[in-house]
Amino acid sequence: HEQDIWQTEQIFKELENGKTVLNFVNRICNKRNEYRVIEWSIRPHGLDYFAAARDLSGRKMLEDTLHLQKELYQTTLFSIGDGVISFDENDEIKIMNQAATQLCGLEQREAAGEKLNRIFAVLKDPLSGRDVNPVEEVRIYGKRLQYDQLLATNMQNQEIIIETTVSPVYGIDTKIQGSVMIFKNVTETKKKQIDSLYLSLHDYLTGLYNRRFFEEEMIRLDTKRNLPLSVIMIDVNGLKLTNDAFGHEEGDLLLKKVAQIIKSECRHDEIAARLGGDEFAILLPKTDTQNCEMISLRIQKACKRSTRQTV
């Protein structure tokens, strides 16, 4: 091979120029057409040369394999759209991909060696209201944990909702040597779900509950522990006249005003709903006839006061 001949000539030229020991690595092909990586050490020995050779093929193959695995790992890590953060045995940040830095509002060089609370000032479970540290909890429970939604405040003081999975990383001795956190921003998705749920249970105009929810609550609350169970039915007088005389916009304002009064006069455990058109209803658990009449009169008085103020 021309390259091998050239390399051989260079080797002897260096030795002839007084090089006492020459160390180099080259690749050779044996009789079975297998390429081997050989480390050579050549030095002059009288009029001859003494050469020692060591086969590095196995080590070189292992190094190439490890290099390839590292490249694949880094390419995968920095290509995926979800945020990825790896933590060491002290729960300190080692690696963050680009998606993670964007969501956290902090560059990797700033976050390296920091704890999770350095990149998320607040992590809270919206259902229980408790503060959460997924990395610490993984170490406590020793298993993969998933959180469908956590309220997070990043270092740019932006409030987002994240969905995250945190997995422990075990060493050869089966002890936890770190963890990997994968997360994504689900703020828009969760808001749409919340909005969709709200619209399915509430009247779009007044913000009170709708007929569907009211009827479901009547069935749910119809138990012995909620007795006596009372209902107040309300009709808005003059809605058709208002629509005909002043237009539907004024009619809508009238309905909104009535709904506002009803809401302000109800207790937190009472269900106020717009059943449709000019009909409203209030479901009052654990309320007898006397108290029901008192609430009804209170709403009527509030409506009269509002009418006088408007006039």
C-alpha atoms as a PDB file:
ATOM      1  CA  HIS A   1       0.000   0.000   0.000  1.00  0.00           C
ATOM      2  CA  GLU A   2       1.457   3.386  -1.032  1.00  0.00           C
ATOM      3  CA  GLN A   3       0.560   4.998   2.314  1.00  0.00           C
ATOM      4  CA  ASP A   4       2.287   2.182   4.236  1.00  0.00           C
ATOM      5  CA  ILE A   5       5.435   2.539   2.055  1.00  0.00           C
ATOM      6  CA  TRP A   6       5.455   6.296   2.645  1.00  0.00           C
ATOM      7  CA  GLN A   7       4.970   5.798   6.412  1.00  0.00           C
ATOM      8  CA  THR A   8       7.803   3.254   6.529  1.00  0.00           C
ATOM      9  CA  GLU A   9      10.133   5.641   4.716  1.00  0.00           C
ATOM     10  CA  GLN A  10       9.274   8.417   7.166  1.00  0.00           C
ATOM     11  CA  ILE A  11       9.939   6.143  10.152  1.00  0.00           C
ATOM     12  CA  PHE A  12      13.460   5.155   8.980  1.00  0.00           C
ATOM     13  CA  LYS A  13      14.249   8.736   7.968  1.00  0.00           C
ATOM     14  CA  GLU A  14      13.500   9.906  11.524  1.00  0.00           C
ATOM     15  CA  LEU A  15      15.612   7.112  13.004  1.00  0.00           C
ATOM     16  CA  GLU A  16      18.518   7.940  10.681  1.00  0.00           C
ATOM     17  CA  ASN A  17      18.293  11.572  11.814  1.00  0.00           C
ATOM     18  CA  GLY A  18      19.137  10.517  15.363  1.00  0.00           C
ATOM     19  CA  LYS A  19      15.724   9.709  16.829  1.00  0.00           C
ATOM     20  CA  THR A  20      16.534   7.263  19.633  1.00  0.00           C
ATOM     21  CA  VAL A  21      13.036   5.901  20.193  1.00  0.00           C
ATOM     22  CA  LEU A  22      10.077   6.211  17.849  1.00  0.00           C
ATOM     23  CA  ASN A  23       6.523   5.495  19.103  1.00  0.00           C
ATOM     24  CA  PHE A  24       3.583   5.482  16.730  1.00  0.00           C
ATOM     25  CA  VAL A  25       0.322   3.722  15.960  1.00  0.00           C
ATOM     26  CA  ASN A  26      -0.715   2.456  12.548  1.00  0.00           C
ATOM     27  CA  ARG A  27      -3.280   0.190  10.993  1.00  0.00           C
ATOM     28  CA  ILE A  28      -2.225  -2.979   9.157  1.00  0.00           C
ATOM     29  CA  CYS A  29      -4.043  -5.669   7.248  1.00  0.00           C
ATOM     30  CA  ASN A  30      -3.153  -9.282   7.979  1.00  0.00           C
ATOM     31  CA  LYS A  31      -3.363 -12.292   5.650  1.00  0.00           C
ATOM     32  CA  ARG A  32      -7.028 -12.803   6.531  1.00  0.00           C
ATOM     33  CA  ASN A  33      -7.787  -9.228   5.328  1.00  0.00           C
ATOM     34  CA  GLU A  34      -8.463  -8.137   8.914  1.00  0.00           C
ATOM     35  CA  TYR A  35      -7.351  -4.664   9.857  1.00  0.00           C
ATOM     36  CA  ARG A  36      -5.499  -4.402  13.165  1.00  0.00           C
ATOM     37  CA  VAL A  37      -4.460  -1.327  15.110  1.00  0.00           C
ATOM     38  CA  ILE A  38      -0.822  -1.751  16.206  1.00  0.00           C
ATOM     39  CA  GLU A  39       1.216   0.387  18.593  1.00  0.00           C
ATOM     40  CA  TRP A  40       4.937   0.347  17.708  1.00  0.00           C
ATOM     41  CA  SER A  41       8.062   1.256  19.625  1.00  0.00           C
ATOM     42  CA  ILE A  42      11.230   1.240  17.469  1.00  0.00           C
ATOM     43  CA  ARG A  43      14.788   2.127  18.443  1.00  0.00           C
ATOM     44  CA  PRO A  44      18.232   1.549  16.902  1.00  0.00           C
ATOM     45  CA  HIS A  45      20.110  -1.552  18.082  1.00  0.00           C
ATOM     46  CA  GLY A  46      23.628  -1.495  16.720  1.00  0.00           C
ATOM     47  CA  LEU A  47      23.379  -1.622  12.969  1.00  0.00           C
ATOM     48  CA  ASP A  48      19.873  -3.026  13.241  1.00  0.00           C
ATOM     49  CA  TYR A  49      16.615  -1.847  14.748  1.00  0.00           C
ATOM     50  CA  PHE A  50      14.654  -3.259  17.673  1.00  0.00           C
ATOM     51  CA  ALA A  51      10.851  -3.068  17.300  1.00  0.00           C
ATOM     52  CA  ALA A  52       8.172  -3.899  19.856  1.00  0.00           C
ATOM     53  CA  ALA A  53       4.533  -4.115  18.776  1.00  0.00           C
ATOM     54  CA  ARG A  54       1.292  -4.217  20.741  1.00  0.00           C
ATOM     55  CA  ASP A  55      -2.128  -4.993  19.295  1.00  0.00           C
ATOM     56  CA  LEU A  56      -4.587  -2.240  20.316  1.00  0.00           C
ATOM     57  CA  SER A  57      -7.436  -3.412  18.103  1.00  0.00           C
ATOM     58  CA  GLY A  58      -9.700  -4.433  20.981  1.00  0.00           C
ATOM     59  CA  ARG A  59      -9.128  -1.253  22.943  1.00  0.00           C
ATOM     60  CA  LYS A  60      -9.481   0.888  19.832  1.00  0.00           C
ATOM     61  CA  MET A  61     -12.734  -0.842  18.954  1.00  0.00           C
ATOM     62  CA  LEU A  62     -14.014  -0.239  22.487  1.00  0.00           C
ATOM     63  CA  GLU A  63     -12.976   3.429  22.300  1.00  0.00           C
ATOM     64  CA  ASP A  64     -14.721   3.825  18.942  1.00  0.00           C
ATOM     65  CA  THR A  65     -17.844   2.153  20.310  1.00  0.00           C
ATOM     66  CA  LEU A  66     -17.874   4.381  23.393  1.00  0.00           C
ATOM     67  CA  HIS A  67     -17.304   7.462  21.249  1.00  0.00           C
ATOM     68  CA  LEU A  68     -20.183   6.480  18.961  1.00  0.00           C
ATOM     69  CA  GLN A  69     -22.479   5.831  21.937  1.00  0.00           C
ATOM     70  CA  LYS A  70     -21.567   9.206  23.405  1.00  0.00           C
ATOM     71  CA  GLU A  71     -22.277  10.961  20.104  1.00  0.00           C
ATOM     72  CA  LEU A  72     -25.607   9.143  19.733  1.00  0.00           C
ATOM     73  CA  TYR A  73     -26.535  10.011  23.323  1.00  0.00           C
ATOM     74  CA  GLN A  74     -25.687  13.691  22.932  1.00  0.00           C
ATOM     75  CA  THR A  75     -27.355  13.975  19.525  1.00  0.00           C
ATOM     76  CA  THR A  76     -30.527  12.360  20.886  1.00  0.00           C
ATOM     77  CA  LEU A  77     -30.460  14.444  24.060  1.00  0.00           C
ATOM     78  CA  PHE A  78     -30.097  17.760  22.266  1.00  0.00           C
ATOM     79  CA  SER A  79     -32.525  16.903  19.455  1.00  0.00           C
ATOM     80  CA  ILE A  80     -35.666  15.942  21.360  1.00  0.00           C
ATOM     81  CA  GLY A  81     -38.297  18.584  22.031  1.00  0.00           C
ATOM     82  CA  ASP A  82     -38.851  17.766  25.712  1.00  0.00           C
ATOM     83  CA  GLY A  83     -36.639  19.286  28.387  1.00  0.00           C
ATOM     84  CA  VAL A  84     -34.074  16.857  29.811  1.00  0.00           C
ATOM     85  CA  ILE A  85     -31.949  17.417  32.925  1.00  0.00           C
ATOM     86  CA  SER A  86     -29.570  14.903  34.479  1.00  0.00           C
ATOM     87  CA  PHE A  87     -28.628  15.106  38.154  1.00  0.00           C
ATOM     88  CA  ASP A  88     -25.689  13.513  39.959  1.00  0.00           C
ATOM     89  CA  GLU A  89     -25.621  11.651  43.292  1.00  0.00           C
ATOM     90  CA  ASN A  90     -25.910  14.975  45.152  1.00  0.00           C
ATOM     91  CA  ASP A  91     -29.000  15.989  43.139  1.00  0.00           C
ATOM     92  CA  GLU A  92     -26.940  18.655  41.383  1.00  0.00           C
ATOM     93  CA  ILE A  93     -27.427  19.447  37.701  1.00  0.00           C
ATOM     94  CA  LYS A  94     -24.909  17.877  35.304  1.00  0.00           C
ATOM     95  CA  ILE A  95     -26.472  18.222  31.850  1.00  0.00           C
ATOM     96  CA  MET A  96     -29.393  20.171  30.375  1.00  0.00           C
ATOM     97  CA  ASN A  97     -30.538  20.084  26.770  1.00  0.00           C
ATOM     98  CA  GLN A  98     -31.615  23.164  24.826  1.00  0.00           C
ATOM     99  CA  ALA A  99     -35.330  22.575  25.399  1.00  0.00           C
ATOM    100  CA  ALA A 100     -34.718  22.526  29.162  1.00  0.00           C
ATOM    101  CA  THR A 101     -32.764  25.787  29.126  1.00  0.00           C
ATOM    102  CA  GLN A 102     -35.567  27.489  27.186  1.00  0.00           C
ATOM    103  CA  LEU A 103     -38.270  26.282  29.590  1.00  0.00           C
ATOM    104  CA  CYS A 104     -36.244  27.098  32.696  1.00  0.00           C
ATOM    105  CA  GLY A 105     -34.965  30.454  31.483  1.00  0.00           C
ATOM    106  CA  LEU A 106     -31.430  29.556  32.534  1.00  0.00           C
ATOM    107  CA  GLU A 107     -28.399  28.511  30.480  1.00  0.00           C
ATOM    108  CA  GLN A 108     -26.609  25.224  31.216  1.00  0.00           C
ATOM    109  CA  ARG A 109     -23.400  26.984  32.263  1.00  0.00           C
ATOM    110  CA  GLU A 110     -25.423  28.916  34.859  1.00  0.00           C
ATOM    111  CA  ALA A 111     -27.303  25.853  36.076  1.00  0.00           C
ATOM    112  CA  ALA A 112     -24.419  23.342  36.239  1.00  0.00           C
ATOM    113  CA  GLY A 113     -23.872  22.208  39.825  1.00  0.00           C
ATOM    114  CA  GLU A 114     -27.130  23.779  41.032  1.00  0.00           C
ATOM    115  CA  LYS A 115     -30.154  22.116  42.611  1.00  0.00           C
ATOM    116  CA  LEU A 116     -33.597  21.838  41.020  1.00  0.00           C
ATOM    117  CA  ASN A 117     -34.936  24.830  42.968  1.00  0.00           C
ATOM    118  CA  ARG A 118     -32.292  26.981  41.253  1.00  0.00           C
ATOM    119  CA  ILE A 119     -34.033  26.600  37.889  1.00  0.00           C
ATOM    120  CA  PHE A 120     -37.623  26.376  39.163  1.00  0.00           C
ATOM    121  CA  ALA A 121     -38.253  28.807  41.996  1.00  0.00           C
ATOM    122  CA  VAL A 122     -41.646  27.167  42.615  1.00  0.00           C
ATOM    123  CA  LEU A 123     -42.894  23.634  41.913  1.00  0.00           C
ATOM    124  CA  LYS A 124     -46.342  22.992  43.318  1.00  0.00           C
ATOM    125  CA  ASP A 125     -49.008  20.302  43.035  1.00  0.00           C
ATOM    126  CA  PRO A 126     -52.152  22.228  41.985  1.00  0.00           C
ATOM    127  CA  LEU A 127     -54.497  19.683  43.590  1.00  0.00           C
ATOM    128  CA  SER A 128     -52.951  19.469  47.061  1.00  0.00           C
ATOM    129  CA  GLY A 129     -51.203  22.840  46.993  1.00  0.00           C
ATOM    130  CA  ARG A 130     -48.024  21.297  48.433  1.00  0.00           C
ATOM    131  CA  ASP A 131     -44.520  22.132  47.250  1.00  0.00           C
ATOM    132  CA  VAL A 132     -42.933  19.311  45.247  1.00  0.00           C
ATOM    133  CA  ASN A 133     -39.305  18.369  44.508  1.00  0.00           C
ATOM    134  CA  PRO A 134     -39.478  15.396  42.092  1.00  0.00           C
ATOM    135  CA  VAL A 135     -35.719  14.758  42.223  1.00  0.00           C
ATOM    136  CA  GLU A 136     -35.712  14.398  46.016  1.00  0.00           C
ATOM    137  CA  GLU A 137     -38.861  12.251  45.945  1.00  0.00           C
ATOM    138  CA  VAL A 138     -37.299   9.845  43.426  1.00  0.00           C
ATOM    139  CA  ARG A 139     -34.368   9.362  45.794  1.00  0.00           C
ATOM    140  CA  ILE A 140     -36.771   8.757  48.694  1.00  0.00           C
ATOM    141  CA  TYR A 141     -39.031   6.276  46.890  1.00  0.00           C
ATOM    142  CA  GLY A 142     -36.335   4.712  44.694  1.00  0.00           C
ATOM    143  CA  LYS A 143     -38.529   4.378  41.617  1.00  0.00           C
ATOM    144  CA  ARG A 144     -39.682   6.218  38.520  1.00  0.00           C
ATOM    145  CA  LEU A 145     -42.256   8.904  39.333  1.00  0.00           C
ATOM    146  CA  GLN A 146     -44.643  10.706  36.994  1.00  0.00           C
ATOM    147  CA  TYR A 147     -46.391  14.014  37.607  1.00  0.00           C
ATOM    148  CA  ASP A 148     -49.221  14.888  35.206  1.00  0.00           C
ATOM    149  CA  GLN A 149     -49.169  18.571  36.113  1.00  0.00           C
ATOM    150  CA  LEU A 150     -47.032  20.778  38.325  1.00  0.00           C
ATOM    151  CA  LEU A 151     -47.296  24.541  38.643  1.00  0.00           C
ATOM    152  CA  ALA A 152     -43.821  25.931  37.988  1.00  0.00           C
ATOM    153  CA  THR A 153     -42.242  29.381  38.152  1.00  0.00           C
ATOM    154  CA  ASN A 154     -38.992  29.578  36.205  1.00  0.00           C
ATOM    155  CA  MET A 155     -36.042  31.929  36.665  1.00  0.00           C
ATOM    156  CA  GLN A 156     -37.654  34.522  34.376  1.00  0.00           C
ATOM    157  CA  ASN A 157     -40.649  34.575  36.732  1.00  0.00           C
ATOM    158  CA  GLN A 158     -42.880  32.926  34.136  1.00  0.00           C
ATOM    159  CA  GLU A 159     -45.633  30.666  35.463  1.00  0.00           C
ATOM    160  CA  ILE A 160     -46.110  27.484  33.463  1.00  0.00           C
ATOM    161  CA  ILE A 161     -47.644  24.040  33.929  1.00  0.00           C
ATOM    162  CA  ILE A 162     -45.262  21.137  33.296  1.00  0.00           C
ATOM    163  CA  GLU A 163     -45.747  17.413  32.881  1.00  0.00           C
ATOM    164  CA  THR A 164     -42.704  15.518  34.090  1.00  0.00           C
ATOM    165  CA  THR A 165     -41.217  12.068  34.623  1.00  0.00           C
ATOM    166  CA  VAL A 166     -38.185  11.538  36.869  1.00  0.00           C
ATOM    167  CA  SER A 167     -36.251   8.251  36.858  1.00  0.00           C
ATOM    168  CA  PRO A 168     -33.467   7.093  39.183  1.00  0.00           C
ATOM    169  CA  VAL A 169     -30.046   6.155  37.771  1.00  0.00           C
ATOM    170  CA  TYR A 170     -28.459   3.144  39.508  1.00  0.00           C
ATOM    171  CA  GLY A 171     -24.759   2.370  39.815  1.00  0.00           C
ATOM    172  CA  ILE A 172     -23.123  -1.081  39.695  1.00  0.00           C
ATOM    173  CA  ASP A 173     -23.677  -1.395  43.459  1.00  0.00           C
ATOM    174  CA  THR A 174     -27.458  -0.871  42.846  1.00  0.00           C
ATOM    175  CA  LYS A 175     -27.354   2.426  44.747  1.00  0.00           C
ATOM    176  CA  ILE A 176     -28.937   5.529  43.223  1.00  0.00           C
ATOM    177  CA  GLN A 177     -26.173   7.564  41.592  1.00  0.00           C
ATOM    178  CA  GLY A 178     -28.379  10.282  40.154  1.00  0.00           C
ATOM    179  CA  SER A 179     -31.605  10.874  38.260  1.00  0.00           C
ATOM    180  CA  VAL A 180     -32.955  12.086  34.929  1.00  0.00           C
ATOM    181  CA  MET A 181     -35.878  14.489  34.672  1.00  0.00           C
ATOM    182  CA  ILE A 182     -37.860  14.744  31.425  1.00  0.00           C
ATOM    183  CA  PHE A 183     -40.511  17.446  31.231  1.00  0.00           C
ATOM    184  CA  LYS A 184     -42.560  19.528  28.824  1.00  0.00           C
ATOM    185  CA  ASN A 185     -44.670  22.656  28.913  1.00  0.00           C
ATOM    186  CA  VAL A 186     -48.375  21.689  28.903  1.00  0.00           C
ATOM    187  CA  THR A 187     -49.717  25.102  29.912  1.00  0.00           C
ATOM    188  CA  GLU A 188     -51.802  25.682  26.787  1.00  0.00           C
ATOM    189  CA  THR A 189     -53.145  22.113  26.757  1.00  0.00           C
ATOM    190  CA  LYS A 190     -54.171  22.255  30.428  1.00  0.00           C
ATOM    191  CA  LYS A 191     -55.756  25.688  29.999  1.00  0.00           C
ATOM    192  CA  LYS A 192     -57.815  24.388  27.086  1.00  0.00           C
ATOM    193  CA  GLN A 193     -58.904  21.393  29.167  1.00  0.00           C
ATOM    194  CA  ILE A 194     -59.865  23.682  32.055  1.00  0.00           C
ATOM    195  CA  ASP A 195     -61.719  26.037  29.706  1.00  0.00           C
ATOM    196  CA  SER A 196     -63.479  23.130  28.040  1.00  0.00           C
ATOM    197  CA  LEU A 197     -64.523  21.680  31.413  1.00  0.00           C
ATOM    198  CA  TYR A 198     -65.694  25.093  32.598  1.00  0.00           C
ATOM    199  CA  LEU A 199     -67.813  25.648  29.488  1.00  0.00           C
ATOM    200  CA  SER A 200     -69.358  22.189  29.798  1.00  0.00           C
ATOM    201  CA  LEU A 201     -70.583  22.984  33.331  1.00  0.00           C
ATOM    202  CA  HIS A 202     -71.372  26.713  33.170  1.00  0.00           C
ATOM    203  CA  ASP A 203     -73.746  29.019  31.370  1.00  0.00           C
ATOM    204  CA  TYR A 204     -71.730  30.977  28.805  1.00  0.00           C
ATOM    205  CA  LEU A 205     -73.570  34.275  29.424  1.00  0.00           C
ATOM    206  CA  THR A 206     -73.887  34.558  33.202  1.00  0.00           C
ATOM    207  CA  GLY A 207     -71.094  32.321  34.488  1.00  0.00           C
ATOM    208  CA  LEU A 208     -73.531  30.413  36.721  1.00  0.00           C
ATOM    209  CA  TYR A 209     -73.822  26.644  36.439  1.00  0.00           C
ATOM    210  CA  ASN A 210     -75.923  25.323  33.538  1.00  0.00           C
ATOM    211  CA  ARG A 211     -79.004  23.086  33.542  1.00  0.00           C
ATOM    212  CA  ARG A 212     -76.981  19.921  32.964  1.00  0.00           C
ATOM    213  CA  PHE A 213     -74.792  20.465  36.020  1.00  0.00           C
ATOM    214  CA  PHE A 214     -77.771  21.553  38.132  1.00  0.00           C
ATOM    215  CA  GLU A 215     -79.712  18.369  37.358  1.00  0.00           C
ATOM    216  CA  GLU A 216     -76.656  16.195  38.074  1.00  0.00           C
ATOM    217  CA  GLU A 217     -76.179  17.968  41.414  1.00  0.00           C
ATOM    218  CA  MET A 218     -79.830  17.424  42.340  1.00  0.00           C
ATOM    219  CA  ILE A 219     -79.259  13.685  42.007  1.00  0.00           C
ATOM    220  CA  ARG A 220     -75.893  13.753  43.810  1.00  0.00           C
ATOM    221  CA  LEU A 221     -77.129  15.840  46.746  1.00  0.00           C
ATOM    222  CA  ASP A 222     -80.360  13.877  47.189  1.00  0.00           C
ATOM    223  CA  THR A 223     -79.084  11.965  50.229  1.00  0.00           C
ATOM    224  CA  LYS A 224     -80.117  11.789  53.873  1.00  0.00           C
ATOM    225  CA  ARG A 225     -77.130  13.803  55.115  1.00  0.00           C
ATOM    226  CA  ASN A 226     -78.126  16.782  52.868  1.00  0.00           C
ATOM    227  CA  LEU A 227     -81.738  16.899  54.065  1.00  0.00           C
ATOM    228  CA  PRO A 228     -83.686  19.093  54.184  1.00  0.00           C
ATOM    229  CA  LEU A 229     -82.915  19.886  50.542  1.00  0.00           C
ATOM    230  CA  SER A 230     -84.588  23.038  49.208  1.00  0.00           C
ATOM    231  CA  VAL A 231     -84.889  24.637  45.769  1.00  0.00           C
ATOM    232  CA  ILE A 232     -85.520  28.277  44.851  1.00  0.00           C
ATOM    233  CA  MET A 233     -86.867  28.952  41.341  1.00  0.00           C
ATOM    234  CA  ILE A 234     -86.441  32.452  39.882  1.00  0.00           C
ATOM    235  CA  ASP A 235     -88.009  34.050  36.792  1.00  0.00           C
ATOM    236  CA  VAL A 236     -86.818  37.418  35.480  1.00  0.00           C
ATOM    237  CA  ASN A 237     -89.821  39.662  34.821  1.00  0.00           C
ATOM    238  CA  GLY A 238     -89.784  41.759  31.682  1.00  0.00           C
ATOM    239  CA  LEU A 239     -86.936  40.048  29.830  1.00  0.00           C
ATOM    240  CA  LYS A 240     -88.952  39.756  26.591  1.00  0.00           C
ATOM    241  CA  LEU A 241     -90.087  43.377  26.907  1.00  0.00           C
ATOM    242  CA  THR A 242     -86.475  44.511  27.453  1.00  0.00           C
ATOM    243  CA  ASN A 243     -85.296  42.545  24.395  1.00  0.00           C
ATOM    244  CA  ASP A 244     -88.070  43.946  22.210  1.00  0.00           C
ATOM    245  CA  ALA A 245     -87.724  47.535  23.393  1.00  0.00           C
ATOM    246  CA  PHE A 246     -83.954  47.918  23.841  1.00  0.00           C
ATOM    247  CA  GLY A 247     -82.419  44.944  22.027  1.00  0.00           C
ATOM    248  CA  HIS A 248     -80.898  41.657  23.113  1.00  0.00           C
ATOM    249  CA  GLU A 249     -77.716  43.292  24.391  1.00  0.00           C
ATOM    250  CA  GLU A 250     -79.700  45.075  27.092  1.00  0.00           C
ATOM    251  CA  GLY A 251     -81.565  41.830  27.823  1.00  0.00           C
ATOM    252  CA  ASP A 252     -78.234  40.059  28.286  1.00  0.00           C
ATOM    253  CA  LEU A 253     -77.068  42.795  30.671  1.00  0.00           C
ATOM    254  CA  LEU A 254     -80.267  42.269  32.709  1.00  0.00           C
ATOM    255  CA  LEU A 255     -79.603  38.517  32.962  1.00  0.00           C
ATOM    256  CA  LYS A 256     -75.976  39.133  33.977  1.00  0.00           C
ATOM    257  CA  LYS A 257     -77.074  41.572  36.691  1.00  0.00           C
ATOM    258  CA  VAL A 258     -79.578  39.078  38.114  1.00  0.00           C
ATOM    259  CA  ALA A 259     -76.936  36.325  38.038  1.00  0.00           C
ATOM    260  CA  GLN A 260     -74.486  38.583  39.882  1.00  0.00           C
ATOM    261  CA  ILE A 261     -77.060  39.254  42.629  1.00  0.00           C
ATOM    262  CA  ILE A 262     -77.909  35.556  42.983  1.00  0.00           C
ATOM    263  CA  LYS A 263     -74.225  34.632  43.221  1.00  0.00           C
ATOM    264  CA  SER A 264     -73.541  37.296  45.856  1.00  0.00           C
ATOM    265  CA  GLU A 265     -76.449  36.127  48.043  1.00  0.00           C
ATOM    266  CA  CYS A 266     -75.583  32.401  47.912  1.00  0.00           C
ATOM    267  CA  ARG A 267     -73.367  30.498  50.330  1.00  0.00           C
ATOM    268  CA  HIS A 268     -70.385  28.489  49.051  1.00  0.00           C
ATOM    269  CA  ASP A 269     -72.205  25.133  49.284  1.00  0.00           C
ATOM    270  CA  GLU A 270     -75.304  26.298  47.379  1.00  0.00           C
ATOM    271  CA  ILE A 271     -75.668  25.594  43.659  1.00  0.00           C
ATOM    272  CA  ALA A 272     -76.914  28.552  41.578  1.00  0.00           C
ATOM    273  CA  ALA A 273     -77.705  27.867  37.916  1.00  0.00           C
ATOM    274  CA  ARG A 274     -79.322  29.388  34.862  1.00  0.00           C
ATOM    275  CA  LEU A 275     -81.738  26.797  33.526  1.00  0.00           C
ATOM    276  CA  GLY A 276     -82.370  28.665  30.289  1.00  0.00           C
ATOM    277  CA  GLY A 277     -83.979  31.866  29.008  1.00  0.00           C
ATOM    278  CA  ASP A 278     -85.080  33.911  32.036  1.00  0.00           C
ATOM    279  CA  GLU A 279     -85.153  30.932  34.454  1.00  0.00           C
ATOM    280  CA  PHE A 280     -82.705  30.558  37.347  1.00  0.00           C
ATOM    281  CA  ALA A 281     -82.592  28.069  40.216  1.00  0.00           C
ATOM    282  CA  ILE A 282     -80.727  27.611  43.482  1.00  0.00           C
ATOM    283  CA  LEU A 283     -80.147  24.247  45.144  1.00  0.00           C
ATOM    284  CA  LEU A 284     -79.768  24.548  48.933  1.00  0.00           C
ATOM    285  CA  PRO A 285     -78.611  21.444  50.861  1.00  0.00           C
ATOM    286  CA  LYS A 286     -79.328  21.269  54.616  1.00  0.00           C
ATOM    287  CA  THR A 287     -81.749  24.193  54.348  1.00  0.00           C
ATOM    288  CA  ASP A 288     -85.271  24.101  55.795  1.00  0.00           C
ATOM    289  CA  THR A 289     -88.308  26.049  54.572  1.00  0.00           C
ATOM    290  CA  GLN A 290     -87.784  29.004  56.917  1.00  0.00           C
ATOM    291  CA  ASN A 291     -84.170  29.592  55.892  1.00  0.00           C
ATOM    292  CA  CYS A 292     -85.067  29.038  52.238  1.00  0.00           C
ATOM    293  CA  GLU A 293     -87.691  31.802  52.446  1.00  0.00           C
ATOM    294  CA  MET A 294     -85.182  34.137  54.120  1.00  0.00           C
ATOM    295  CA  ILE A 295     -82.690  33.649  51.293  1.00  0.00           C
ATOM    296  CA  SER A 296     -85.431  34.154  48.714  1.00  0.00           C
ATOM    297  CA  LEU A 297     -86.515  37.446  50.322  1.00  0.00           C
ATOM    298  CA  ARG A 298     -82.888  38.573  50.527  1.00  0.00           C
ATOM    299  CA  ILE A 299     -82.465  38.043  46.771  1.00  0.00           C
ATOM    300  CA  GLN A 300     -85.717  39.888  46.029  1.00  0.00           C
ATOM    301  CA  LYS A 301     -84.626  42.885  48.122  1.00  0.00           C
ATOM    302  CA  ALA A 302     -81.220  42.957  46.417  1.00  0.00           C
ATOM    303  CA  CYS A 303     -82.928  42.981  43.002  1.00  0.00           C
ATOM    304  CA  LYS A 304     -85.209  45.867  44.057  1.00  0.00           C
ATOM    305  CA  ARG A 305     -82.219  47.875  45.347  1.00  0.00           C
ATOM    306  CA  SER A 306     -80.421  47.282  42.062  1.00  0.00           C
ATOM    307  CA  THR A 307     -83.492  48.428  40.102  1.00  0.00           C
ATOM    308  CA  ARG A 308     -83.741  51.681  42.094  1.00  0.00           C
ATOM    309  CA  GLN A 309     -80.012  52.355  41.645  1.00  0.00           C
ATOM    310  CA  THR A 310     -80.302  51.799  37.886  1.00  0.00           C
ATOM    311  CA  VAL A 311     -83.265  54.118  37.604  1.00  0.00           C
END
